[in-house]
Amino acid sequence: MDEKTEELRDIFLDTTGGDTVTERQEEGHGSLADEPDAAERVAELVSRMRERYEFDSGLSEDDLVRVVRLYFEDADDAAIADDLGVDEATVFAARMDLHLVRESDREAPFDLSRLRSMHVEGVPTAERATDLGVDEGTVEHYSTVVAADLESTRANDRFRDEFAELLAEEDLRGGHTEDAREDGLREAAEDIETNVSF
């Protein structure tokens, strides 16, 4: 150690009261690494919904979890149906069971708020169809959307929001953070001067 380095070392010791340059970092609370697996938590949420609401799709819990995942990957009903080996009507029913209503589901050929009022008042399907000027099948389809929206609203959209949050966290745990870390390290390493002498 030359005189200058020794002098700097002494200043460091006087200032910090320690002789190590770095301290061991401990993992703080709320680390993503501490969280249970997202798939397990999504399955728990699906199970809680099944206990609370009457499901119409008839899909298994594993398939319902798959519907949630694919929905948040922006897969359409045809792609989800193909993945699960079921028809699109089953996927639609499963999405409604899980409060996963798309904006396009609300694009009815009539004023949806009128149907919502009739649904709340318990107006029979045939009367709804006559009043709205559409067939009963169309009324049943949009009544399912209205019912799912109302259930979700009563639950403050909690289930849908939790699904979204869990799957976003899973993305963070996966390759996205790893890629970002590697990119950041690569950029930082490019700026390091390797021929430094002390």
N, C-alpha and C. Protein backbone atom coordinates (compact mmCIF):
# COMPACT_ATOMS: atom_id res chain seq x y z
N MET A 1 0.84 -1.18 0.00
CA MET A 1 0.00 0.00 0.00
C MET A 1 0.89 1.25 0.00
N ASP A 2 0.67 2.11 -0.98
CA ASP A 2 1.49 3.33 -0.98
C ASP A 2 0.93 4.34 0.03
N GLU A 3 1.63 5.42 0.21
CA GLU A 3 1.29 6.41 1.23
C GLU A 3 -0.11 7.01 1.03
N LYS A 4 -0.43 7.30 -0.23
CA LYS A 4 -1.72 7.92 -0.55
C LYS A 4 -2.88 6.97 -0.22
N THR A 5 -2.72 5.71 -0.61
CA THR A 5 -3.76 4.71 -0.35
C THR A 5 -3.95 4.50 1.14
N GLU A 6 -2.83 4.47 1.86
CA GLU A 6 -2.87 4.29 3.31
C GLU A 6 -3.60 5.45 3.97
N GLU A 7 -3.34 6.65 3.45
CA GLU A 7 -4.00 7.85 3.98
C GLU A 7 -5.52 7.78 3.76
N LEU A 8 -5.90 7.37 2.56
CA LEU A 8 -7.34 7.22 2.24
C LEU A 8 -7.99 6.15 3.12
N ARG A 9 -7.25 5.07 3.37
CA ARG A 9 -7.77 4.00 4.22
C ARG A 9 -8.01 4.53 5.64
N ASP A 10 -7.08 5.30 6.16
CA ASP A 10 -7.21 5.87 7.51
C ASP A 10 -8.42 6.81 7.59
N ILE A 11 -8.60 7.63 6.55
CA ILE A 11 -9.75 8.55 6.53
C ILE A 11 -11.05 7.74 6.55
N PHE A 12 -11.06 6.67 5.76
CA PHE A 12 -12.24 5.81 5.69
C PHE A 12 -12.55 5.20 7.06
N LEU A 13 -11.52 4.68 7.72
CA LEU A 13 -11.72 4.06 9.04
C LEU A 13 -12.21 5.07 10.06
N ASP A 14 -11.65 6.26 10.02
CA ASP A 14 -12.07 7.31 10.96
C ASP A 14 -13.52 7.72 10.71
N THR A 15 -13.89 7.81 9.45
CA THR A 15 -15.22 8.28 9.09
C THR A 15 -16.30 7.25 9.37
N THR A 16 -16.03 6.00 9.00
CA THR A 16 -17.09 4.97 9.09
C THR A 16 -17.05 4.17 10.39
N GLY A 17 -15.90 4.12 11.01
CA GLY A 17 -15.80 3.32 12.22
C GLY A 17 -15.74 1.84 11.92
N GLY A 18 -15.58 1.48 10.67
CA GLY A 18 -15.49 0.06 10.30
C GLY A 18 -14.39 -0.14 9.30
N ASP A 19 -14.04 -1.41 9.06
CA ASP A 19 -12.95 -1.66 8.11
C ASP A 19 -13.41 -2.42 6.87
N THR A 20 -14.73 -2.51 6.69
CA THR A 20 -15.22 -3.16 5.47
C THR A 20 -15.95 -2.14 4.62
N VAL A 21 -15.76 -2.26 3.32
CA VAL A 21 -16.34 -1.29 2.41
C VAL A 21 -17.82 -1.54 2.17
N THR A 22 -18.22 -2.79 2.17
CA THR A 22 -19.64 -3.10 1.92
C THR A 22 -20.23 -3.86 3.09
N GLU A 23 -21.53 -3.70 3.25
CA GLU A 23 -22.25 -4.45 4.27
C GLU A 23 -23.13 -5.46 3.59
N ARG A 24 -23.36 -6.56 4.27
CA ARG A 24 -24.21 -7.61 3.71
C ARG A 24 -25.64 -7.08 3.68
N GLN A 25 -26.27 -7.21 2.54
CA GLN A 25 -27.66 -6.75 2.43
C GLN A 25 -28.59 -7.88 2.79
N GLU A 26 -29.54 -7.58 3.65
CA GLU A 26 -30.53 -8.59 4.02
C GLU A 26 -31.78 -8.35 3.21
N GLU A 27 -32.47 -9.44 2.91
CA GLU A 27 -33.69 -9.34 2.12
C GLU A 27 -34.79 -8.70 2.96
N GLY A 28 -35.38 -7.64 2.44
CA GLY A 28 -36.43 -6.94 3.19
C GLY A 28 -37.77 -7.62 3.07
N HIS A 29 -38.73 -7.11 3.81
CA HIS A 29 -40.10 -7.63 3.75
C HIS A 29 -40.72 -7.34 2.40
N GLY A 30 -41.63 -8.20 1.98
CA GLY A 30 -42.35 -7.95 0.76
C GLY A 30 -41.60 -8.35 -0.50
N SER A 31 -40.52 -9.09 -0.36
CA SER A 31 -39.79 -9.53 -1.54
C SER A 31 -40.63 -10.51 -2.33
N LEU A 32 -40.59 -10.38 -3.66
CA LEU A 32 -41.35 -11.31 -4.51
C LEU A 32 -40.90 -12.74 -4.29
N ALA A 33 -39.64 -12.94 -3.92
CA ALA A 33 -39.13 -14.29 -3.70
C ALA A 33 -39.82 -14.97 -2.52
N ASP A 34 -40.34 -14.17 -1.58
CA ASP A 34 -41.01 -14.74 -0.41
C ASP A 34 -42.44 -15.14 -0.69
N GLU A 35 -43.01 -14.64 -1.79
CA GLU A 35 -44.42 -14.87 -2.06
C GLU A 35 -44.68 -16.32 -2.48
N PRO A 36 -45.87 -16.85 -2.12
CA PRO A 36 -46.22 -18.19 -2.60
C PRO A 36 -46.33 -18.16 -4.12
N ASP A 37 -46.25 -19.33 -4.72
CA ASP A 37 -46.33 -19.44 -6.17
C ASP A 37 -47.64 -18.84 -6.68
N ALA A 38 -47.55 -18.04 -7.74
CA ALA A 38 -48.73 -17.37 -8.30
C ALA A 38 -49.79 -18.37 -8.73
N ALA A 39 -49.37 -19.49 -9.31
CA ALA A 39 -50.33 -20.51 -9.77
C ALA A 39 -51.17 -21.03 -8.61
N GLU A 40 -50.52 -21.23 -7.46
CA GLU A 40 -51.24 -21.69 -6.26
C GLU A 40 -52.25 -20.65 -5.81
N ARG A 41 -51.83 -19.40 -5.82
CA ARG A 41 -52.71 -18.34 -5.35
C ARG A 41 -53.88 -18.11 -6.31
N VAL A 42 -53.63 -18.25 -7.62
CA VAL A 42 -54.73 -18.15 -8.59
C VAL A 42 -55.72 -19.28 -8.34
N ALA A 43 -55.20 -20.49 -8.12
CA ALA A 43 -56.06 -21.65 -7.85
C ALA A 43 -56.88 -21.44 -6.58
N GLU A 44 -56.27 -20.85 -5.55
CA GLU A 44 -57.00 -20.55 -4.30
C GLU A 44 -58.14 -19.57 -4.57
N LEU A 45 -57.86 -18.55 -5.37
CA LEU A 45 -58.90 -17.57 -5.70
C LEU A 45 -60.04 -18.22 -6.47
N VAL A 46 -59.71 -19.07 -7.44
CA VAL A 46 -60.74 -19.77 -8.22
C VAL A 46 -61.59 -20.62 -7.29
N SER A 47 -60.94 -21.31 -6.36
CA SER A 47 -61.65 -22.16 -5.40
C SER A 47 -62.59 -21.34 -4.52
N ARG A 48 -62.10 -20.16 -4.07
CA ARG A 48 -62.95 -19.27 -3.25
C ARG A 48 -64.16 -18.79 -4.03
N MET A 49 -63.94 -18.47 -5.30
CA MET A 49 -65.06 -18.02 -6.14
C MET A 49 -66.08 -19.14 -6.31
N ARG A 50 -65.59 -20.36 -6.48
CA ARG A 50 -66.48 -21.52 -6.67
C ARG A 50 -67.36 -21.75 -5.44
N GLU A 51 -66.76 -21.53 -4.27
CA GLU A 51 -67.52 -21.69 -3.02
C GLU A 51 -68.58 -20.60 -2.89
N ARG A 52 -68.24 -19.41 -3.36
CA ARG A 52 -69.12 -18.25 -3.17
C ARG A 52 -70.20 -18.12 -4.24
N TYR A 53 -69.87 -18.48 -5.48
CA TYR A 53 -70.81 -18.30 -6.59
C TYR A 53 -71.16 -19.64 -7.24
N GLU A 54 -72.26 -19.62 -7.98
CA GLU A 54 -72.66 -20.82 -8.72
C GLU A 54 -72.01 -20.76 -10.10
N PHE A 55 -71.13 -21.71 -10.38
CA PHE A 55 -70.43 -21.75 -11.67
C PHE A 55 -71.24 -22.55 -12.68
N ASP A 56 -71.28 -22.05 -13.92
CA ASP A 56 -72.05 -22.71 -14.98
C ASP A 56 -71.21 -23.49 -15.98
N SER A 57 -69.92 -23.21 -16.03
CA SER A 57 -69.10 -23.78 -17.11
C SER A 57 -68.87 -25.28 -17.01
N GLY A 58 -68.80 -25.81 -15.78
CA GLY A 58 -68.53 -27.23 -15.60
C GLY A 58 -67.07 -27.62 -15.78
N LEU A 59 -66.18 -26.62 -15.94
CA LEU A 59 -64.75 -26.91 -16.11
C LEU A 59 -64.10 -27.26 -14.77
N SER A 60 -63.03 -28.04 -14.83
CA SER A 60 -62.28 -28.38 -13.62
C SER A 60 -61.54 -27.14 -13.13
N GLU A 61 -61.06 -27.23 -11.89
CA GLU A 61 -60.32 -26.09 -11.33
C GLU A 61 -59.06 -25.80 -12.14
N ASP A 62 -58.35 -26.85 -12.55
CA ASP A 62 -57.14 -26.66 -13.36
C ASP A 62 -57.45 -25.93 -14.67
N ASP A 63 -58.56 -26.33 -15.29
CA ASP A 63 -58.96 -25.68 -16.55
C ASP A 63 -59.36 -24.22 -16.31
N LEU A 64 -60.02 -23.95 -15.19
CA LEU A 64 -60.40 -22.58 -14.87
C LEU A 64 -59.17 -21.71 -14.64
N VAL A 65 -58.16 -22.27 -13.98
CA VAL A 65 -56.90 -21.55 -13.77
C VAL A 65 -56.26 -21.25 -15.13
N ARG A 66 -56.34 -22.22 -16.02
CA ARG A 66 -55.79 -22.03 -17.38
C ARG A 66 -56.55 -20.92 -18.12
N VAL A 67 -57.87 -20.87 -17.94
CA VAL A 67 -58.67 -19.80 -18.55
C VAL A 67 -58.18 -18.44 -18.06
N VAL A 68 -57.95 -18.32 -16.75
CA VAL A 68 -57.46 -17.06 -16.17
C VAL A 68 -56.14 -16.66 -16.81
N ARG A 69 -55.19 -17.62 -16.85
CA ARG A 69 -53.87 -17.34 -17.41
C ARG A 69 -53.96 -16.87 -18.86
N LEU A 70 -54.70 -17.62 -19.67
CA LEU A 70 -54.78 -17.31 -21.10
C LEU A 70 -55.52 -15.99 -21.34
N TYR A 71 -56.54 -15.73 -20.51
CA TYR A 71 -57.26 -14.46 -20.62
C TYR A 71 -56.30 -13.28 -20.43
N PHE A 72 -55.46 -13.36 -19.42
CA PHE A 72 -54.53 -12.27 -19.15
C PHE A 72 -53.33 -12.26 -20.10
N GLU A 73 -53.21 -13.31 -20.92
CA GLU A 73 -52.22 -13.30 -22.00
C GLU A 73 -52.86 -12.80 -23.29
N ASP A 74 -54.10 -12.28 -23.17
CA ASP A 74 -54.85 -11.72 -24.30
C ASP A 74 -55.27 -12.75 -25.35
N ALA A 75 -55.42 -14.01 -24.93
CA ALA A 75 -55.93 -15.03 -25.86
C ALA A 75 -57.44 -14.82 -26.01
N ASP A 76 -57.95 -14.98 -27.23
CA ASP A 76 -59.40 -14.86 -27.41
C ASP A 76 -60.08 -16.20 -27.07
N ASP A 77 -61.41 -16.21 -27.07
CA ASP A 77 -62.14 -17.42 -26.67
C ASP A 77 -61.83 -18.61 -27.56
N ALA A 78 -61.62 -18.35 -28.86
CA ALA A 78 -61.32 -19.45 -29.79
C ALA A 78 -59.98 -20.10 -29.41
N ALA A 79 -58.98 -19.28 -29.08
CA ALA A 79 -57.66 -19.81 -28.72
C ALA A 79 -57.72 -20.56 -27.39
N ILE A 80 -58.48 -20.02 -26.44
CA ILE A 80 -58.62 -20.69 -25.13
C ILE A 80 -59.35 -22.02 -25.31
N ALA A 81 -60.42 -22.01 -26.12
CA ALA A 81 -61.19 -23.23 -26.38
C ALA A 81 -60.30 -24.30 -27.02
N ASP A 82 -59.47 -23.87 -27.96
CA ASP A 82 -58.55 -24.79 -28.64
C ASP A 82 -57.56 -25.38 -27.65
N ASP A 83 -57.03 -24.53 -26.75
CA ASP A 83 -56.06 -24.97 -25.75
C ASP A 83 -56.67 -26.01 -24.80
N LEU A 84 -57.93 -25.79 -24.42
CA LEU A 84 -58.58 -26.67 -23.44
C LEU A 84 -59.32 -27.85 -24.08
N GLY A 85 -59.51 -27.79 -25.40
CA GLY A 85 -60.26 -28.85 -26.08
C GLY A 85 -61.75 -28.79 -25.78
N VAL A 86 -62.28 -27.57 -25.65
CA VAL A 86 -63.72 -27.38 -25.41
C VAL A 86 -64.25 -26.39 -26.43
N ASP A 87 -65.58 -26.13 -26.39
CA ASP A 87 -66.14 -25.16 -27.33
C ASP A 87 -66.08 -23.74 -26.75
N GLU A 88 -66.28 -22.76 -27.63
CA GLU A 88 -66.18 -21.36 -27.21
C GLU A 88 -67.26 -20.97 -26.21
N ALA A 89 -68.43 -21.61 -26.31
CA ALA A 89 -69.52 -21.31 -25.36
C ALA A 89 -69.11 -21.67 -23.94
N THR A 90 -68.36 -22.76 -23.80
CA THR A 90 -67.87 -23.19 -22.47
C THR A 90 -66.86 -22.18 -21.94
N VAL A 91 -65.99 -21.70 -22.82
CA VAL A 91 -64.99 -20.70 -22.42
C VAL A 91 -65.69 -19.41 -21.99
N PHE A 92 -66.70 -19.00 -22.77
CA PHE A 92 -67.45 -17.79 -22.42
C PHE A 92 -68.09 -17.95 -21.03
N ALA A 93 -68.72 -19.10 -20.80
CA ALA A 93 -69.35 -19.36 -19.49
C ALA A 93 -68.31 -19.32 -18.37
N ALA A 94 -67.13 -19.89 -18.64
CA ALA A 94 -66.06 -19.90 -17.63
C ALA A 94 -65.58 -18.49 -17.33
N ARG A 95 -65.42 -17.68 -18.36
CA ARG A 95 -65.00 -16.29 -18.14
C ARG A 95 -66.02 -15.53 -17.31
N MET A 96 -67.29 -15.75 -17.60
CA MET A 96 -68.35 -15.08 -16.82
C MET A 96 -68.33 -15.57 -15.37
N ASP A 97 -68.11 -16.88 -15.17
CA ASP A 97 -68.00 -17.42 -13.81
C ASP A 97 -66.89 -16.72 -13.04
N LEU A 98 -65.80 -16.41 -13.75
CA LEU A 98 -64.60 -15.84 -13.13
C LEU A 98 -64.56 -14.30 -13.17
N HIS A 99 -65.67 -13.68 -13.60
CA HIS A 99 -65.78 -12.22 -13.70
C HIS A 99 -64.80 -11.62 -14.70
N LEU A 100 -64.41 -12.41 -15.70
CA LEU A 100 -63.46 -11.93 -16.71
C LEU A 100 -64.23 -11.45 -17.95
N VAL A 101 -64.86 -10.30 -17.79
CA VAL A 101 -65.69 -9.73 -18.86
C VAL A 101 -64.83 -8.80 -19.71
N ARG A 102 -64.85 -9.04 -21.01
CA ARG A 102 -64.13 -8.17 -21.94
C ARG A 102 -65.03 -6.99 -22.30
N GLU A 103 -64.43 -5.89 -22.72
CA GLU A 103 -65.22 -4.73 -23.16
C GLU A 103 -66.10 -5.12 -24.35
N SER A 104 -65.58 -5.98 -25.21
CA SER A 104 -66.35 -6.42 -26.39
C SER A 104 -67.59 -7.23 -26.00
N ASP A 105 -67.58 -7.86 -24.82
CA ASP A 105 -68.75 -8.62 -24.35
C ASP A 105 -69.94 -7.70 -24.10
N ARG A 106 -69.65 -6.42 -23.84
CA ARG A 106 -70.70 -5.46 -23.50
C ARG A 106 -71.25 -4.74 -24.73
N GLU A 107 -70.74 -5.07 -25.90
CA GLU A 107 -71.19 -4.40 -27.13
C GLU A 107 -72.46 -5.07 -27.65
N ALA A 108 -73.57 -4.77 -27.00
CA ALA A 108 -74.86 -5.38 -27.33
C ALA A 108 -75.57 -4.59 -28.44
N PRO A 109 -76.48 -5.26 -29.16
CA PRO A 109 -77.23 -4.55 -30.21
C PRO A 109 -78.39 -3.72 -29.65
N PHE A 110 -78.34 -3.42 -28.37
CA PHE A 110 -79.36 -2.62 -27.69
C PHE A 110 -78.69 -1.95 -26.50
N ASP A 111 -79.42 -1.10 -25.80
CA ASP A 111 -78.88 -0.40 -24.64
C ASP A 111 -78.75 -1.39 -23.48
N LEU A 112 -77.52 -1.70 -23.11
CA LEU A 112 -77.28 -2.71 -22.08
C LEU A 112 -77.82 -2.29 -20.71
N SER A 113 -77.89 -0.99 -20.47
CA SER A 113 -78.41 -0.52 -19.17
C SER A 113 -79.89 -0.88 -19.02
N ARG A 114 -80.63 -0.94 -20.12
CA ARG A 114 -82.04 -1.36 -20.06
C ARG A 114 -82.14 -2.83 -19.64
N LEU A 115 -81.26 -3.65 -20.22
CA LEU A 115 -81.24 -5.07 -19.85
C LEU A 115 -80.82 -5.23 -18.39
N ARG A 116 -79.86 -4.41 -17.95
CA ARG A 116 -79.40 -4.47 -16.56
C ARG A 116 -80.56 -4.19 -15.60
N SER A 117 -81.35 -3.18 -15.92
CA SER A 117 -82.51 -2.85 -15.07
C SER A 117 -83.50 -4.01 -15.02
N MET A 118 -83.78 -4.60 -16.20
CA MET A 118 -84.71 -5.73 -16.25
C MET A 118 -84.17 -6.94 -15.50
N HIS A 119 -82.87 -7.12 -15.58
CA HIS A 119 -82.23 -8.25 -14.87
C HIS A 119 -82.39 -8.07 -13.36
N VAL A 120 -82.12 -6.87 -12.88
CA VAL A 120 -82.24 -6.57 -11.45
C VAL A 120 -83.68 -6.74 -10.98
N GLU A 121 -84.62 -6.35 -11.83
CA GLU A 121 -86.05 -6.46 -11.48
C GLU A 121 -86.60 -7.88 -11.66
N GLY A 122 -85.79 -8.77 -12.23
CA GLY A 122 -86.23 -10.16 -12.41
C GLY A 122 -87.25 -10.36 -13.52
N VAL A 123 -87.21 -9.51 -14.54
CA VAL A 123 -88.13 -9.62 -15.68
C VAL A 123 -87.81 -10.91 -16.43
N PRO A 124 -88.82 -11.73 -16.79
CA PRO A 124 -88.59 -12.98 -17.50
C PRO A 124 -87.89 -12.75 -18.85
N THR A 125 -87.13 -13.75 -19.29
CA THR A 125 -86.35 -13.65 -20.53
C THR A 125 -87.22 -13.28 -21.73
N ALA A 126 -88.39 -13.92 -21.86
CA ALA A 126 -89.27 -13.66 -23.01
C ALA A 126 -89.68 -12.19 -23.06
N GLU A 127 -89.99 -11.63 -21.90
CA GLU A 127 -90.39 -10.21 -21.84
C GLU A 127 -89.20 -9.30 -22.19
N ARG A 128 -88.02 -9.67 -21.71
CA ARG A 128 -86.83 -8.88 -22.03
C ARG A 128 -86.62 -8.86 -23.55
N ALA A 129 -86.76 -10.05 -24.17
CA ALA A 129 -86.55 -10.17 -25.62
C ALA A 129 -87.54 -9.30 -26.39
N THR A 130 -88.81 -9.34 -25.97
CA THR A 130 -89.86 -8.54 -26.64
C THR A 130 -89.55 -7.06 -26.50
N ASP A 131 -89.23 -6.66 -25.28
CA ASP A 131 -88.96 -5.24 -24.99
C ASP A 131 -87.75 -4.73 -25.77
N LEU A 132 -86.71 -5.58 -25.91
CA LEU A 132 -85.46 -5.15 -26.56
C LEU A 132 -85.45 -5.43 -28.06
N GLY A 133 -86.45 -6.17 -28.54
CA GLY A 133 -86.55 -6.46 -29.97
C GLY A 133 -85.51 -7.43 -30.50
N VAL A 134 -85.09 -8.38 -29.65
CA VAL A 134 -84.12 -9.40 -30.07
C VAL A 134 -84.63 -10.78 -29.66
N ASP A 135 -83.94 -11.83 -30.12
CA ASP A 135 -84.38 -13.18 -29.74
C ASP A 135 -83.92 -13.53 -28.33
N GLU A 136 -84.51 -14.57 -27.77
CA GLU A 136 -84.23 -14.96 -26.38
C GLU A 136 -82.79 -15.40 -26.18
N GLY A 137 -82.20 -16.04 -27.20
CA GLY A 137 -80.80 -16.48 -27.10
C GLY A 137 -79.86 -15.30 -26.90
N THR A 138 -80.12 -14.23 -27.63
CA THR A 138 -79.30 -13.01 -27.50
C THR A 138 -79.47 -12.40 -26.11
N VAL A 139 -80.73 -12.38 -25.65
CA VAL A 139 -81.01 -11.85 -24.31
C VAL A 139 -80.28 -12.68 -23.25
N GLU A 140 -80.32 -14.00 -23.38
CA GLU A 140 -79.65 -14.87 -22.40
C GLU A 140 -78.14 -14.62 -22.39
N HIS A 141 -77.57 -14.47 -23.57
CA HIS A 141 -76.13 -14.21 -23.68
C HIS A 141 -75.75 -12.93 -22.94
N TYR A 142 -76.44 -11.84 -23.26
CA TYR A 142 -76.10 -10.56 -22.63
C TYR A 142 -76.54 -10.48 -21.17
N SER A 143 -77.55 -11.26 -20.81
CA SER A 143 -77.96 -11.33 -19.39
C SER A 143 -76.85 -11.96 -18.56
N THR A 144 -76.14 -12.93 -19.16
CA THR A 144 -75.00 -13.57 -18.48
C THR A 144 -73.89 -12.55 -18.25
N VAL A 145 -73.64 -11.71 -19.24
CA VAL A 145 -72.63 -10.65 -19.12
C VAL A 145 -73.03 -9.67 -18.00
N VAL A 146 -74.30 -9.26 -18.03
CA VAL A 146 -74.82 -8.33 -17.02
C VAL A 146 -74.69 -8.93 -15.62
N ALA A 147 -75.05 -10.21 -15.48
CA ALA A 147 -74.98 -10.88 -14.17
C ALA A 147 -73.54 -10.95 -13.67
N ALA A 148 -72.60 -11.26 -14.58
CA ALA A 148 -71.18 -11.34 -14.20
C ALA A 148 -70.67 -9.97 -13.76
N ASP A 149 -71.05 -8.93 -14.51
CA ASP A 149 -70.64 -7.56 -14.15
C ASP A 149 -71.19 -7.16 -12.78
N LEU A 150 -72.46 -7.49 -12.53
CA LEU A 150 -73.07 -7.13 -11.25
C LEU A 150 -72.40 -7.86 -10.09
N GLU A 151 -72.11 -9.15 -10.28
CA GLU A 151 -71.41 -9.93 -9.24
C GLU A 151 -70.04 -9.33 -8.96
N SER A 152 -69.34 -9.00 -10.04
CA SER A 152 -68.00 -8.44 -9.91
C SER A 152 -68.04 -7.08 -9.19
N THR A 153 -69.03 -6.26 -9.54
CA THR A 153 -69.18 -4.94 -8.92
C THR A 153 -69.46 -5.08 -7.42
N ARG A 154 -70.33 -6.03 -7.08
CA ARG A 154 -70.64 -6.26 -5.65
C ARG A 154 -69.40 -6.67 -4.87
N ALA A 155 -68.47 -7.35 -5.55
CA ALA A 155 -67.21 -7.78 -4.90
C ALA A 155 -66.11 -6.74 -5.10
N ASN A 156 -66.48 -5.52 -5.55
CA ASN A 156 -65.50 -4.45 -5.83
C ASN A 156 -64.43 -4.88 -6.83
N ASP A 157 -64.80 -5.75 -7.77
CA ASP A 157 -63.88 -6.26 -8.80
C ASP A 157 -62.64 -6.91 -8.19
N ARG A 158 -62.78 -7.36 -6.94
CA ARG A 158 -61.64 -7.88 -6.20
C ARG A 158 -60.98 -9.08 -6.89
N PHE A 159 -61.80 -10.04 -7.35
CA PHE A 159 -61.23 -11.26 -7.91
C PHE A 159 -60.46 -10.97 -9.20
N ARG A 160 -61.08 -10.21 -10.08
CA ARG A 160 -60.42 -9.86 -11.34
C ARG A 160 -59.11 -9.11 -11.08
N ASP A 161 -59.16 -8.13 -10.15
CA ASP A 161 -57.97 -7.34 -9.84
C ASP A 161 -56.86 -8.21 -9.24
N GLU A 162 -57.25 -9.15 -8.37
CA GLU A 162 -56.24 -10.03 -7.76
C GLU A 162 -55.61 -10.95 -8.79
N PHE A 163 -56.43 -11.47 -9.71
CA PHE A 163 -55.87 -12.29 -10.80
C PHE A 163 -54.82 -11.49 -11.56
N ALA A 164 -55.19 -10.27 -11.94
CA ALA A 164 -54.29 -9.41 -12.72
C ALA A 164 -52.99 -9.15 -11.96
N GLU A 165 -53.11 -8.86 -10.67
CA GLU A 165 -51.94 -8.56 -9.85
C GLU A 165 -51.03 -9.78 -9.71
N LEU A 166 -51.63 -10.95 -9.47
CA LEU A 166 -50.84 -12.17 -9.31
C LEU A 166 -50.06 -12.51 -10.57
N LEU A 167 -50.72 -12.40 -11.70
CA LEU A 167 -50.05 -12.77 -12.94
C LEU A 167 -49.02 -11.73 -13.36
N ALA A 168 -49.22 -10.48 -12.96
CA ALA A 168 -48.21 -9.45 -13.20
C ALA A 168 -46.98 -9.73 -12.34
N GLU A 169 -47.20 -10.13 -11.09
CA GLU A 169 -46.09 -10.47 -10.18
C GLU A 169 -45.31 -11.65 -10.72
N GLU A 170 -46.04 -12.62 -11.28
CA GLU A 170 -45.38 -13.81 -11.82
C GLU A 170 -44.46 -13.42 -12.98
N ASP A 171 -44.93 -12.48 -13.82
CA ASP A 171 -44.09 -11.99 -14.92
C ASP A 171 -42.82 -11.35 -14.37
N LEU A 172 -42.96 -10.60 -13.27
CA LEU A 172 -41.80 -9.95 -12.66
C LEU A 172 -40.81 -10.98 -12.13
N ARG A 173 -41.37 -12.08 -11.57
CA ARG A 173 -40.51 -13.12 -11.03
C ARG A 173 -39.78 -13.89 -12.12
N GLY A 174 -40.38 -13.90 -13.29
CA GLY A 174 -39.83 -14.69 -14.39
C GLY A 174 -38.73 -13.96 -15.11
N GLY A 175 -38.65 -14.17 -16.41
CA GLY A 175 -37.55 -13.66 -17.21
C GLY A 175 -37.45 -12.17 -17.29
N HIS A 176 -38.55 -11.43 -17.04
CA HIS A 176 -38.49 -9.99 -17.24
C HIS A 176 -37.44 -9.31 -16.35
N THR A 177 -37.43 -9.65 -15.07
CA THR A 177 -36.46 -9.02 -14.17
C THR A 177 -35.05 -9.52 -14.48
N GLU A 178 -34.95 -10.81 -14.84
CA GLU A 178 -33.65 -11.37 -15.17
C GLU A 178 -33.06 -10.66 -16.39
N ASP A 179 -33.89 -10.46 -17.41
CA ASP A 179 -33.45 -9.77 -18.62
C ASP A 179 -33.02 -8.34 -18.31
N ALA A 180 -33.84 -7.65 -17.50
CA ALA A 180 -33.54 -6.27 -17.15
C ALA A 180 -32.23 -6.19 -16.39
N ARG A 181 -32.00 -7.15 -15.46
CA ARG A 181 -30.78 -7.16 -14.67
C ARG A 181 -29.57 -7.36 -15.58
N GLU A 182 -29.70 -8.34 -16.51
CA GLU A 182 -28.58 -8.63 -17.41
C GLU A 182 -28.28 -7.44 -18.32
N ASP A 183 -29.33 -6.79 -18.84
CA ASP A 183 -29.14 -5.63 -19.69
C ASP A 183 -28.45 -4.51 -18.93
N GLY A 184 -28.90 -4.28 -17.69
CA GLY A 184 -28.32 -3.23 -16.86
C GLY A 184 -26.86 -3.50 -16.55
N LEU A 185 -26.54 -4.76 -16.23
CA LEU A 185 -25.15 -5.12 -15.92
C LEU A 185 -24.27 -4.97 -17.15
N ARG A 186 -24.80 -5.36 -18.31
CA ARG A 186 -24.04 -5.26 -19.54
C ARG A 186 -23.69 -3.80 -19.83
N GLU A 187 -24.70 -2.89 -19.67
CA GLU A 187 -24.47 -1.47 -19.93
C GLU A 187 -23.46 -0.90 -18.94
N ALA A 188 -23.60 -1.29 -17.66
CA ALA A 188 -22.68 -0.79 -16.65
C ALA A 188 -21.26 -1.28 -16.92
N ALA A 189 -21.13 -2.55 -17.34
CA ALA A 189 -19.81 -3.13 -17.58
C ALA A 189 -19.10 -2.46 -18.75
N GLU A 190 -19.90 -2.00 -19.72
CA GLU A 190 -19.30 -1.33 -20.87
C GLU A 190 -18.59 -0.03 -20.47
N ASP A 191 -19.06 0.59 -19.37
CA ASP A 191 -18.49 1.86 -18.93
C ASP A 191 -17.31 1.71 -17.99
N ILE A 192 -17.04 0.47 -17.57
CA ILE A 192 -15.96 0.25 -16.60
C ILE A 192 -14.61 0.26 -17.32
N GLU A 193 -13.70 0.97 -16.74
CA GLU A 193 -12.34 0.97 -17.27
C GLU A 193 -11.59 -0.15 -16.59
N THR A 194 -11.09 -1.10 -17.35
CA THR A 194 -10.51 -2.29 -16.73
C THR A 194 -9.06 -2.11 -16.31
N ASN A 195 -8.34 -1.20 -16.93
CA ASN A 195 -6.92 -1.03 -16.58
C ASN A 195 -6.74 0.05 -15.53
N VAL A 196 -7.23 -0.23 -14.33
CA VAL A 196 -7.12 0.75 -13.24
C VAL A 196 -6.04 0.26 -12.30
N SER A 197 -5.07 1.10 -11.97
CA SER A 197 -4.03 0.71 -11.02
C SER A 197 -4.14 1.58 -9.78
N PHE A 198 -3.93 0.99 -8.65
CA PHE A 198 -4.04 1.73 -7.38
C PHE A 198 -2.67 2.14 -6.88
